Structures are given as C-alpha cells and as structure tokens.
Amino acid sequence: MVASIIAIIRYCIIGAGIALAYYLYFRWSDARPALEVILLICVVFNGLISFVSHVIFHKSDAARLGLDSASPGYQFEVGFANLAMGLSALAAFLFQWGMSAYIALVLCYSLYILQAVVFHFWRFIRRERSDAGYLWGSVIFAAIYVANMLFFALAAITQERLAPFSSTAGFLHYICFMV
C-alpha cells in the first residue's frame, strides 16, 4: 500500500517536472534550465524516492510489482543504484559541475530506466504480470518518461555543441568511421 502511494506521488511530481521543463525550453528556447529541472526532478527526486520505495518499503514495493518479498536482494540492488545516481546528480547540481555532467547523468539514468522498461515489458509479455495498471505504470509511463529525459539530454547536447553533434560534418564522420 505504501509503495503504491509513493508511486502515485512519484508519477505526479515527475509529470509536473517534465511539463515545467517543456515550458522553460519553449519559453526561453534554452535547454539549460529545462535540463536542470529534468536533472533535479527525474534523476535526483526519482532516484531518492525510488531508493526509499525499493529499500525501506521493500515488502510493499514487492507486492506492488509482483515480486518475491522473501528475498529482497534484487530490490535492494535497484534501490541502491537509484540512490547512487540520485546523489551523483544532486552533487553535480550543488557543486555546479556543468552541462556536460548534467547531460551524462540524465543519459545514464535514462538508459537505466529504459532497461527497467524492457524488464517489465518482458514480464508483461510472459504474463507474469498482465494487469493494465502494471502495463501503464511500469511500461508505458516509464517509456514516456525515458523518451522525455532523452529529448532534453539530446536538446542540451545539440545546444552545447558537444561531440559528436558539434557539427554536421563531425557527426557524419563519427557515424561513418567510428573514430
């Protein structure tokens, strides 16, 4: 029960954060403030609250996800990975490590959550969990979440002119020759 409440709160805050990021991005035509919001809400907040859900409330979270609560090792591993990424993103923001660090952390977390999407989709296809709530929360919402994080990371990479997007010729050279 507690994990379900945490999940609903998490979804609402993430949705509001993504909406705010889009507003900032299109209002100011600047990826920097939007990426900072994504970093703080989607990586820091979600990383820390996911740690709480997976580790502190692991029995409730296991029930929510349809996992075995007798051996919470998997959930602890996922919880501590979320904590590590959330704290790293918080340090990057507080100590102003810059856009490159923010981008790297958002990309890393996006790929991490994408792997969770694939895992949960696989469980859904195998009918380990076949209810609509699981599909919407653990697969569809999470996939949209990943797509939004990737959008802002790529917008920031392009705006900051970071390799391989520093120029069209540079990007084509990178793709063609993998140098």
N, C-alpha and C. Protein backbone atom coordinates (compact mmCIF):
# COMPACT_ATOMS: atom_id res chain seq x y z
N MET A 1 0.82 -1.20 0.00
CA MET A 1 0.00 0.00 0.00
C MET A 1 0.87 1.26 0.00
N VAL A 2 1.88 1.31 0.89
CA VAL A 2 2.74 2.49 0.97
C VAL A 2 3.47 2.70 -0.35
N ALA A 3 3.98 1.63 -0.95
CA ALA A 3 4.71 1.75 -2.22
C ALA A 3 3.81 2.25 -3.34
N SER A 4 2.55 1.88 -3.32
CA SER A 4 1.62 2.37 -4.34
C SER A 4 1.38 3.87 -4.19
N ILE A 5 1.27 4.34 -2.96
CA ILE A 5 1.11 5.77 -2.71
C ILE A 5 2.36 6.52 -3.16
N ILE A 6 3.53 5.98 -2.83
CA ILE A 6 4.79 6.60 -3.25
C ILE A 6 4.85 6.65 -4.78
N ALA A 7 4.43 5.57 -5.44
CA ALA A 7 4.47 5.53 -6.91
C ALA A 7 3.56 6.60 -7.51
N ILE A 8 2.37 6.76 -6.97
CA ILE A 8 1.44 7.78 -7.48
C ILE A 8 2.01 9.18 -7.28
N ILE A 9 2.56 9.44 -6.10
CA ILE A 9 3.19 10.74 -5.84
C ILE A 9 4.36 10.96 -6.80
N ARG A 10 5.16 9.91 -7.00
CA ARG A 10 6.32 10.00 -7.90
C ARG A 10 5.85 10.34 -9.31
N TYR A 11 4.82 9.66 -9.82
CA TYR A 11 4.33 9.92 -11.17
C TYR A 11 3.84 11.35 -11.31
N CYS A 12 3.12 11.85 -10.30
CA CYS A 12 2.59 13.22 -10.36
C CYS A 12 3.72 14.26 -10.37
N ILE A 13 4.71 14.08 -9.52
CA ILE A 13 5.81 15.05 -9.45
C ILE A 13 6.65 14.99 -10.72
N ILE A 14 6.91 13.79 -11.22
CA ILE A 14 7.67 13.66 -12.47
C ILE A 14 6.90 14.32 -13.63
N GLY A 15 5.60 14.07 -13.70
CA GLY A 15 4.79 14.69 -14.76
C GLY A 15 4.83 16.20 -14.68
N ALA A 16 4.73 16.75 -13.49
CA ALA A 16 4.80 18.20 -13.32
C ALA A 16 6.19 18.72 -13.68
N GLY A 17 7.23 17.98 -13.32
CA GLY A 17 8.60 18.38 -13.65
C GLY A 17 8.85 18.40 -15.15
N ILE A 18 8.35 17.39 -15.83
CA ILE A 18 8.52 17.33 -17.29
C ILE A 18 7.74 18.47 -17.95
N ALA A 19 6.54 18.74 -17.47
CA ALA A 19 5.75 19.86 -18.01
C ALA A 19 6.49 21.18 -17.80
N LEU A 20 7.06 21.38 -16.63
CA LEU A 20 7.82 22.60 -16.35
C LEU A 20 9.05 22.69 -17.27
N ALA A 21 9.71 21.57 -17.49
CA ALA A 21 10.89 21.56 -18.38
C ALA A 21 10.49 21.97 -19.80
N TYR A 22 9.37 21.45 -20.30
CA TYR A 22 8.91 21.85 -21.64
C TYR A 22 8.57 23.33 -21.67
N TYR A 23 7.92 23.81 -20.64
CA TYR A 23 7.59 25.23 -20.58
C TYR A 23 8.86 26.07 -20.66
N LEU A 24 9.85 25.75 -19.85
CA LEU A 24 11.10 26.51 -19.84
C LEU A 24 11.82 26.42 -21.18
N TYR A 25 11.83 25.23 -21.75
CA TYR A 25 12.53 25.02 -23.01
C TYR A 25 11.91 25.84 -24.14
N PHE A 26 10.60 25.79 -24.25
CA PHE A 26 9.94 26.50 -25.35
C PHE A 26 9.74 27.99 -25.05
N ARG A 27 9.67 28.36 -23.79
CA ARG A 27 9.52 29.77 -23.42
C ARG A 27 10.80 30.54 -23.68
N TRP A 28 11.93 29.94 -23.32
CA TRP A 28 13.21 30.65 -23.42
C TRP A 28 14.10 30.13 -24.55
N SER A 29 13.68 29.09 -25.26
CA SER A 29 14.50 28.47 -26.31
C SER A 29 15.90 28.13 -25.80
N ASP A 30 15.93 27.59 -24.59
CA ASP A 30 17.20 27.29 -23.93
C ASP A 30 17.06 25.95 -23.21
N ALA A 31 17.93 25.02 -23.56
CA ALA A 31 17.85 23.69 -22.95
C ALA A 31 18.43 23.65 -21.54
N ARG A 32 19.23 24.63 -21.17
CA ARG A 32 19.90 24.59 -19.86
C ARG A 32 18.93 24.54 -18.68
N PRO A 33 18.01 25.51 -18.54
CA PRO A 33 17.11 25.44 -17.38
C PRO A 33 16.20 24.21 -17.44
N ALA A 34 15.81 23.82 -18.64
CA ALA A 34 14.96 22.63 -18.77
C ALA A 34 15.71 21.38 -18.32
N LEU A 35 16.97 21.26 -18.71
CA LEU A 35 17.75 20.09 -18.31
C LEU A 35 18.01 20.09 -16.81
N GLU A 36 18.17 21.26 -16.22
CA GLU A 36 18.34 21.32 -14.76
C GLU A 36 17.09 20.81 -14.05
N VAL A 37 15.92 21.17 -14.55
CA VAL A 37 14.67 20.66 -13.96
C VAL A 37 14.61 19.14 -14.12
N ILE A 38 14.94 18.65 -15.31
CA ILE A 38 14.94 17.20 -15.55
C ILE A 38 15.92 16.51 -14.61
N LEU A 39 17.09 17.09 -14.45
CA LEU A 39 18.10 16.51 -13.54
C LEU A 39 17.56 16.45 -12.11
N LEU A 40 16.98 17.55 -11.64
CA LEU A 40 16.52 17.61 -10.25
C LEU A 40 15.28 16.75 -10.00
N ILE A 41 14.34 16.75 -10.92
CA ILE A 41 13.09 16.01 -10.70
C ILE A 41 13.24 14.55 -11.12
N CYS A 42 13.70 14.34 -12.34
CA CYS A 42 13.71 12.98 -12.91
C CYS A 42 14.86 12.12 -12.42
N VAL A 43 15.97 12.73 -12.04
CA VAL A 43 17.10 11.93 -11.57
C VAL A 43 17.25 12.03 -10.05
N VAL A 44 17.38 13.25 -9.52
CA VAL A 44 17.58 13.39 -8.08
C VAL A 44 16.34 12.92 -7.31
N PHE A 45 15.20 13.57 -7.56
CA PHE A 45 13.99 13.21 -6.81
C PHE A 45 13.63 11.75 -7.03
N ASN A 46 13.55 11.32 -8.29
CA ASN A 46 13.14 9.95 -8.56
C ASN A 46 14.15 8.94 -8.01
N GLY A 47 15.44 9.25 -8.11
CA GLY A 47 16.45 8.35 -7.57
C GLY A 47 16.30 8.18 -6.07
N LEU A 48 16.10 9.28 -5.36
CA LEU A 48 15.99 9.21 -3.89
C LEU A 48 14.69 8.55 -3.45
N ILE A 49 13.57 8.91 -4.10
CA ILE A 49 12.28 8.32 -3.70
C ILE A 49 12.21 6.84 -4.10
N SER A 50 12.88 6.48 -5.19
CA SER A 50 12.92 5.07 -5.59
C SER A 50 13.74 4.26 -4.60
N PHE A 51 14.80 4.85 -4.07
CA PHE A 51 15.57 4.18 -3.01
C PHE A 51 14.67 3.89 -1.82
N VAL A 52 13.93 4.90 -1.39
CA VAL A 52 13.02 4.74 -0.25
C VAL A 52 12.02 3.62 -0.53
N SER A 53 11.42 3.65 -1.71
CA SER A 53 10.41 2.66 -2.07
C SER A 53 10.99 1.25 -2.13
N HIS A 54 12.12 1.09 -2.83
CA HIS A 54 12.70 -0.25 -3.05
C HIS A 54 13.38 -0.82 -1.81
N VAL A 55 13.95 0.03 -0.96
CA VAL A 55 14.73 -0.48 0.17
C VAL A 55 13.94 -0.39 1.49
N ILE A 56 13.45 0.76 1.83
CA ILE A 56 12.78 0.93 3.12
C ILE A 56 11.41 0.25 3.12
N PHE A 57 10.67 0.40 2.05
CA PHE A 57 9.34 -0.22 1.95
C PHE A 57 9.37 -1.39 0.97
N HIS A 58 10.41 -2.20 1.02
CA HIS A 58 10.62 -3.26 0.02
C HIS A 58 9.50 -4.29 -0.01
N LYS A 59 8.87 -4.60 1.11
CA LYS A 59 7.79 -5.59 1.09
C LYS A 59 6.58 -5.05 0.34
N SER A 60 6.22 -3.82 0.62
CA SER A 60 5.09 -3.20 -0.07
C SER A 60 5.41 -3.02 -1.55
N ASP A 61 6.65 -2.66 -1.86
CA ASP A 61 7.06 -2.48 -3.25
C ASP A 61 7.06 -3.81 -4.00
N ALA A 62 7.50 -4.86 -3.33
CA ALA A 62 7.48 -6.19 -3.96
C ALA A 62 6.05 -6.59 -4.30
N ALA A 63 5.13 -6.33 -3.39
CA ALA A 63 3.72 -6.65 -3.66
C ALA A 63 3.20 -5.83 -4.83
N ARG A 64 3.58 -4.56 -4.90
CA ARG A 64 3.13 -3.69 -5.99
C ARG A 64 3.64 -4.19 -7.33
N LEU A 65 4.87 -4.69 -7.36
CA LEU A 65 5.48 -5.14 -8.60
C LEU A 65 5.30 -6.63 -8.88
N GLY A 66 4.71 -7.34 -7.94
CA GLY A 66 4.52 -8.78 -8.12
C GLY A 66 5.82 -9.55 -8.02
N LEU A 67 6.71 -9.11 -7.14
CA LEU A 67 8.00 -9.78 -6.94
C LEU A 67 7.98 -10.54 -5.62
N ASP A 68 8.95 -11.44 -5.45
CA ASP A 68 9.09 -12.22 -4.23
C ASP A 68 9.65 -11.32 -3.13
N SER A 69 8.88 -11.14 -2.04
CA SER A 69 9.34 -10.27 -0.96
C SER A 69 10.22 -11.01 0.04
N ALA A 70 10.31 -12.34 -0.07
CA ALA A 70 11.13 -13.11 0.87
C ALA A 70 12.63 -12.88 0.65
N SER A 71 13.00 -12.60 -0.58
CA SER A 71 14.42 -12.32 -0.87
C SER A 71 14.51 -10.98 -1.61
N PRO A 72 14.67 -9.90 -0.83
CA PRO A 72 14.63 -8.56 -1.43
C PRO A 72 15.96 -8.10 -2.04
N GLY A 73 16.89 -9.01 -2.27
CA GLY A 73 18.19 -8.62 -2.81
C GLY A 73 18.10 -7.82 -4.10
N TYR A 74 17.21 -8.24 -5.00
CA TYR A 74 17.03 -7.53 -6.27
C TYR A 74 16.56 -6.10 -6.02
N GLN A 75 15.59 -5.94 -5.13
CA GLN A 75 15.07 -4.61 -4.85
C GLN A 75 16.11 -3.73 -4.17
N PHE A 76 16.91 -4.32 -3.29
CA PHE A 76 17.96 -3.55 -2.64
C PHE A 76 18.98 -3.07 -3.67
N GLU A 77 19.32 -3.96 -4.61
CA GLU A 77 20.27 -3.58 -5.66
C GLU A 77 19.73 -2.42 -6.49
N VAL A 78 18.48 -2.52 -6.89
CA VAL A 78 17.83 -1.46 -7.68
C VAL A 78 17.74 -0.18 -6.84
N GLY A 79 17.38 -0.31 -5.58
CA GLY A 79 17.26 0.86 -4.71
C GLY A 79 18.58 1.58 -4.52
N PHE A 80 19.66 0.81 -4.31
CA PHE A 80 20.97 1.45 -4.12
C PHE A 80 21.51 2.04 -5.42
N ALA A 81 21.18 1.44 -6.55
CA ALA A 81 21.56 2.03 -7.84
C ALA A 81 20.85 3.38 -8.02
N ASN A 82 19.58 3.42 -7.69
CA ASN A 82 18.83 4.68 -7.76
C ASN A 82 19.42 5.73 -6.82
N LEU A 83 19.77 5.31 -5.62
CA LEU A 83 20.37 6.22 -4.65
C LEU A 83 21.69 6.78 -5.18
N ALA A 84 22.52 5.92 -5.74
CA ALA A 84 23.82 6.36 -6.25
C ALA A 84 23.64 7.39 -7.36
N MET A 85 22.73 7.13 -8.28
CA MET A 85 22.52 8.09 -9.38
C MET A 85 21.87 9.37 -8.89
N GLY A 86 20.93 9.25 -7.97
CA GLY A 86 20.28 10.44 -7.43
C GLY A 86 21.25 11.33 -6.67
N LEU A 87 22.12 10.73 -5.85
CA LEU A 87 23.09 11.52 -5.09
C LEU A 87 24.16 12.11 -6.01
N SER A 88 24.55 11.36 -7.04
CA SER A 88 25.53 11.90 -8.00
C SER A 88 24.96 13.11 -8.72
N ALA A 89 23.71 13.03 -9.12
CA ALA A 89 23.06 14.16 -9.80
C ALA A 89 22.91 15.34 -8.86
N LEU A 90 22.61 15.06 -7.60
CA LEU A 90 22.49 16.15 -6.62
C LEU A 90 23.84 16.84 -6.43
N ALA A 91 24.91 16.06 -6.33
CA ALA A 91 26.25 16.64 -6.20
C ALA A 91 26.60 17.46 -7.43
N ALA A 92 26.29 16.94 -8.61
CA ALA A 92 26.59 17.67 -9.85
C ALA A 92 25.88 19.03 -9.86
N PHE A 93 24.64 19.05 -9.40
CA PHE A 93 23.89 20.31 -9.37
C PHE A 93 24.42 21.26 -8.29
N LEU A 94 24.60 20.76 -7.08
CA LEU A 94 25.03 21.62 -5.98
C LEU A 94 26.43 22.20 -6.19
N PHE A 95 27.32 21.39 -6.76
CA PHE A 95 28.70 21.84 -6.98
C PHE A 95 28.92 22.39 -8.38
N GLN A 96 27.83 22.54 -9.13
CA GLN A 96 27.84 23.17 -10.45
C GLN A 96 28.89 22.55 -11.38
N TRP A 97 28.77 21.25 -11.60
CA TRP A 97 29.71 20.54 -12.46
C TRP A 97 29.50 20.86 -13.93
N GLY A 98 28.41 21.50 -14.28
CA GLY A 98 28.20 21.95 -15.65
C GLY A 98 27.31 21.04 -16.48
N MET A 99 27.00 21.56 -17.66
CA MET A 99 26.06 20.90 -18.56
C MET A 99 26.52 19.51 -18.99
N SER A 100 27.80 19.34 -19.23
CA SER A 100 28.27 18.03 -19.67
C SER A 100 27.98 16.96 -18.62
N ALA A 101 28.21 17.30 -17.35
CA ALA A 101 27.91 16.36 -16.27
C ALA A 101 26.41 16.11 -16.17
N TYR A 102 25.61 17.17 -16.28
CA TYR A 102 24.16 17.02 -16.21
C TYR A 102 23.66 16.10 -17.33
N ILE A 103 24.19 16.34 -18.53
CA ILE A 103 23.79 15.53 -19.69
C ILE A 103 24.16 14.07 -19.47
N ALA A 104 25.39 13.83 -19.02
CA ALA A 104 25.85 12.46 -18.80
C ALA A 104 24.99 11.75 -17.77
N LEU A 105 24.64 12.44 -16.70
CA LEU A 105 23.82 11.82 -15.65
C LEU A 105 22.40 11.54 -16.13
N VAL A 106 21.82 12.47 -16.88
CA VAL A 106 20.47 12.25 -17.42
C VAL A 106 20.48 11.11 -18.43
N LEU A 107 21.50 11.05 -19.28
CA LEU A 107 21.61 9.93 -20.24
C LEU A 107 21.77 8.61 -19.51
N CYS A 108 22.63 8.58 -18.52
CA CYS A 108 22.86 7.35 -17.75
C CYS A 108 21.56 6.87 -17.09
N TYR A 109 20.86 7.79 -16.45
CA TYR A 109 19.62 7.41 -15.78
C TYR A 109 18.55 7.00 -16.78
N SER A 110 18.52 7.66 -17.93
CA SER A 110 17.56 7.29 -18.98
C SER A 110 17.78 5.85 -19.43
N LEU A 111 19.03 5.50 -19.66
CA LEU A 111 19.34 4.14 -20.10
C LEU A 111 19.04 3.11 -19.00
N TYR A 112 19.28 3.50 -17.77
CA TYR A 112 18.98 2.64 -16.63
C TYR A 112 17.47 2.36 -16.55
N ILE A 113 16.67 3.42 -16.66
CA ILE A 113 15.22 3.25 -16.60
C ILE A 113 14.71 2.51 -17.84
N LEU A 114 15.34 2.74 -19.00
CA LEU A 114 14.97 2.01 -20.21
C LEU A 114 15.14 0.50 -20.00
N GLN A 115 16.19 0.11 -19.32
CA GLN A 115 16.38 -1.32 -19.03
C GLN A 115 15.25 -1.85 -18.14
N ALA A 116 14.80 -1.04 -17.20
CA ALA A 116 13.67 -1.43 -16.36
C ALA A 116 12.40 -1.57 -17.20
N VAL A 117 12.21 -0.68 -18.17
CA VAL A 117 11.05 -0.76 -19.07
C VAL A 117 11.07 -2.09 -19.82
N VAL A 118 12.23 -2.44 -20.36
CA VAL A 118 12.37 -3.72 -21.10
C VAL A 118 12.07 -4.90 -20.18
N PHE A 119 12.61 -4.86 -18.96
CA PHE A 119 12.36 -5.93 -17.98
C PHE A 119 10.87 -6.07 -17.69
N HIS A 120 10.21 -4.95 -17.40
CA HIS A 120 8.79 -5.01 -17.07
C HIS A 120 7.94 -5.39 -18.28
N PHE A 121 8.31 -4.95 -19.46
CA PHE A 121 7.60 -5.34 -20.67
C PHE A 121 7.74 -6.85 -20.90
N TRP A 122 8.93 -7.37 -20.67
CA TRP A 122 9.16 -8.81 -20.80
C TRP A 122 8.28 -9.59 -19.82
N ARG A 123 8.19 -9.10 -18.59
CA ARG A 123 7.33 -9.76 -17.59
C ARG A 123 5.87 -9.69 -18.03
N PHE A 124 5.45 -8.59 -18.62
CA PHE A 124 4.08 -8.44 -19.08
C PHE A 124 3.80 -9.42 -20.22
N ILE A 125 4.71 -9.52 -21.18
CA ILE A 125 4.53 -10.42 -22.33
C ILE A 125 4.47 -11.88 -21.87
N ARG A 126 5.30 -12.21 -20.89
CA ARG A 126 5.32 -13.58 -20.37
C ARG A 126 4.16 -13.86 -19.42
N ARG A 127 3.32 -12.87 -19.20
CA ARG A 127 2.13 -12.96 -18.34
C ARG A 127 2.46 -13.19 -16.87
N GLU A 128 3.67 -12.76 -16.46
CA GLU A 128 3.99 -12.78 -15.03
C GLU A 128 3.16 -11.71 -14.32
N ARG A 129 2.93 -10.60 -15.01
CA ARG A 129 2.03 -9.54 -14.57
C ARG A 129 1.29 -9.08 -15.80
N SER A 130 -0.01 -9.26 -15.82
CA SER A 130 -0.77 -8.93 -17.03
C SER A 130 -1.87 -7.90 -16.79
N ASP A 131 -1.85 -7.24 -15.63
CA ASP A 131 -2.90 -6.25 -15.37
C ASP A 131 -2.56 -4.91 -16.03
N ALA A 132 -3.60 -4.16 -16.33
CA ALA A 132 -3.44 -2.89 -17.04
C ALA A 132 -2.65 -1.87 -16.23
N GLY A 133 -2.83 -1.86 -14.92
CA GLY A 133 -2.10 -0.92 -14.07
C GLY A 133 -0.59 -1.13 -14.16
N TYR A 134 -0.18 -2.38 -14.20
CA TYR A 134 1.24 -2.71 -14.33
C TYR A 134 1.76 -2.26 -15.69
N LEU A 135 1.00 -2.55 -16.74
CA LEU A 135 1.41 -2.15 -18.09
C LEU A 135 1.55 -0.63 -18.18
N TRP A 136 0.56 0.10 -17.68
CA TRP A 136 0.60 1.56 -17.77
C TRP A 136 1.69 2.15 -16.89
N GLY A 137 1.82 1.69 -15.67
CA GLY A 137 2.78 2.29 -14.75
C GLY A 137 4.22 1.89 -15.01
N SER A 138 4.45 0.60 -15.18
CA SER A 138 5.82 0.10 -15.27
C SER A 138 6.37 0.05 -16.69
N VAL A 139 5.50 0.14 -17.68
CA VAL A 139 5.97 0.05 -19.07
C VAL A 139 5.69 1.36 -19.82
N ILE A 140 4.43 1.69 -20.01
CA ILE A 140 4.09 2.83 -20.86
C ILE A 140 4.53 4.15 -20.24
N PHE A 141 4.15 4.42 -18.99
CA PHE A 141 4.55 5.67 -18.35
C PHE A 141 6.07 5.76 -18.27
N ALA A 142 6.72 4.66 -17.91
CA ALA A 142 8.19 4.67 -17.80
C ALA A 142 8.85 4.91 -19.16
N ALA A 143 8.29 4.35 -20.23
CA ALA A 143 8.85 4.58 -21.57
C ALA A 143 8.69 6.05 -21.98
N ILE A 144 7.56 6.65 -21.67
CA ILE A 144 7.35 8.08 -21.95
C ILE A 144 8.33 8.92 -21.12
N TYR A 145 8.53 8.52 -19.90
CA TYR A 145 9.48 9.18 -19.00
C TYR A 145 10.89 9.15 -19.61
N VAL A 146 11.31 8.00 -20.09
CA VAL A 146 12.63 7.85 -20.72
C VAL A 146 12.72 8.72 -21.97
N ALA A 147 11.69 8.68 -22.81
CA ALA A 147 11.70 9.47 -24.04
C ALA A 147 11.85 10.96 -23.73
N ASN A 148 11.18 11.43 -22.70
CA ASN A 148 11.28 12.84 -22.33
C ASN A 148 12.68 13.19 -21.81
N MET A 149 13.25 12.33 -20.98
CA MET A 149 14.61 12.60 -20.49
C MET A 149 15.60 12.63 -21.65
N LEU A 150 15.45 11.67 -22.59
CA LEU A 150 16.34 11.65 -23.76
C LEU A 150 16.17 12.88 -24.63
N PHE A 151 14.94 13.34 -24.79
CA PHE A 151 14.69 14.56 -25.57
C PHE A 151 15.50 15.74 -25.01
N PHE A 152 15.40 15.95 -23.70
CA PHE A 152 16.09 17.09 -23.11
C PHE A 152 17.60 16.91 -23.10
N ALA A 153 18.07 15.69 -22.92
CA ALA A 153 19.51 15.44 -22.98
C ALA A 153 20.04 15.73 -24.38
N LEU A 154 19.34 15.26 -25.40
CA LEU A 154 19.78 15.50 -26.78
C LEU A 154 19.65 16.97 -27.17
N ALA A 155 18.62 17.63 -26.67
CA ALA A 155 18.49 19.07 -26.93
C ALA A 155 19.67 19.83 -26.32
N ALA A 156 20.07 19.43 -25.13
CA ALA A 156 21.20 20.09 -24.48
C ALA A 156 22.52 19.77 -25.18
N ILE A 157 22.69 18.52 -25.61
CA ILE A 157 23.90 18.15 -26.36
C ILE A 157 24.02 18.99 -27.62
N THR A 158 22.92 19.12 -28.34
CA THR A 158 22.91 19.90 -29.58
C THR A 158 23.19 21.37 -29.29
N GLN A 159 22.51 21.92 -28.30
CA GLN A 159 22.69 23.34 -27.96
C GLN A 159 24.12 23.62 -27.50
N GLU A 160 24.68 22.73 -26.72
CA GLU A 160 26.04 22.94 -26.21
C GLU A 160 27.10 22.58 -27.26
N ARG A 161 26.65 22.05 -28.39
CA ARG A 161 27.53 21.68 -29.50
C ARG A 161 28.61 20.71 -29.04
N LEU A 162 28.17 19.70 -28.31
CA LEU A 162 29.09 18.67 -27.83
C LEU A 162 29.26 17.60 -28.88
N ALA A 163 30.43 17.02 -28.97
CA ALA A 163 30.69 15.94 -29.94
C ALA A 163 29.81 14.76 -29.58
N PRO A 164 29.31 14.03 -30.52
CA PRO A 164 29.54 14.13 -31.96
C PRO A 164 28.59 15.10 -32.66
N PHE A 165 27.87 15.93 -31.91
CA PHE A 165 26.91 16.85 -32.51
C PHE A 165 27.47 18.25 -32.69
N SER A 166 28.78 18.41 -32.59
CA SER A 166 29.37 19.75 -32.67
C SER A 166 29.24 20.35 -34.07
N SER A 167 29.16 19.49 -35.07
CA SER A 167 28.89 19.96 -36.42
C SER A 167 28.35 18.79 -37.23
N THR A 168 27.68 19.09 -38.31
CA THR A 168 27.13 18.03 -39.16
C THR A 168 28.24 17.15 -39.70
N ALA A 169 29.33 17.77 -40.15
CA ALA A 169 30.44 17.01 -40.70
C ALA A 169 31.06 16.12 -39.63
N GLY A 170 31.19 16.67 -38.40
CA GLY A 170 31.77 15.89 -37.31
C GLY A 170 30.91 14.68 -36.97
N PHE A 171 29.59 14.88 -36.95
CA PHE A 171 28.69 13.79 -36.63
C PHE A 171 28.73 12.71 -37.73
N LEU A 172 28.70 13.14 -39.00
CA LEU A 172 28.75 12.18 -40.10
C LEU A 172 30.07 11.42 -40.09
N HIS A 173 31.16 12.11 -39.79
CA HIS A 173 32.47 11.45 -39.70
C HIS A 173 32.45 10.41 -38.60
N TYR A 174 31.86 10.75 -37.49
CA TYR A 174 31.79 9.84 -36.35
C TYR A 174 30.98 8.60 -36.71
N ILE A 175 29.84 8.78 -37.34
CA ILE A 175 28.97 7.66 -37.71
C ILE A 175 29.64 6.79 -38.77
N CYS A 176 30.25 7.42 -39.78
CA CYS A 176 30.83 6.66 -40.89
C CYS A 176 32.11 5.94 -40.53
N PHE A 177 32.94 6.55 -39.70
CA PHE A 177 34.26 5.98 -39.44
C PHE A 177 34.47 5.52 -38.01
N MET A 178 33.51 5.81 -37.13
CA MET A 178 33.59 5.43 -35.73
C MET A 178 34.94 5.76 -35.12
N VAL A 179 35.40 6.96 -35.42
CA VAL A 179 36.69 7.43 -34.93
C VAL A 179 36.49 8.41 -33.81
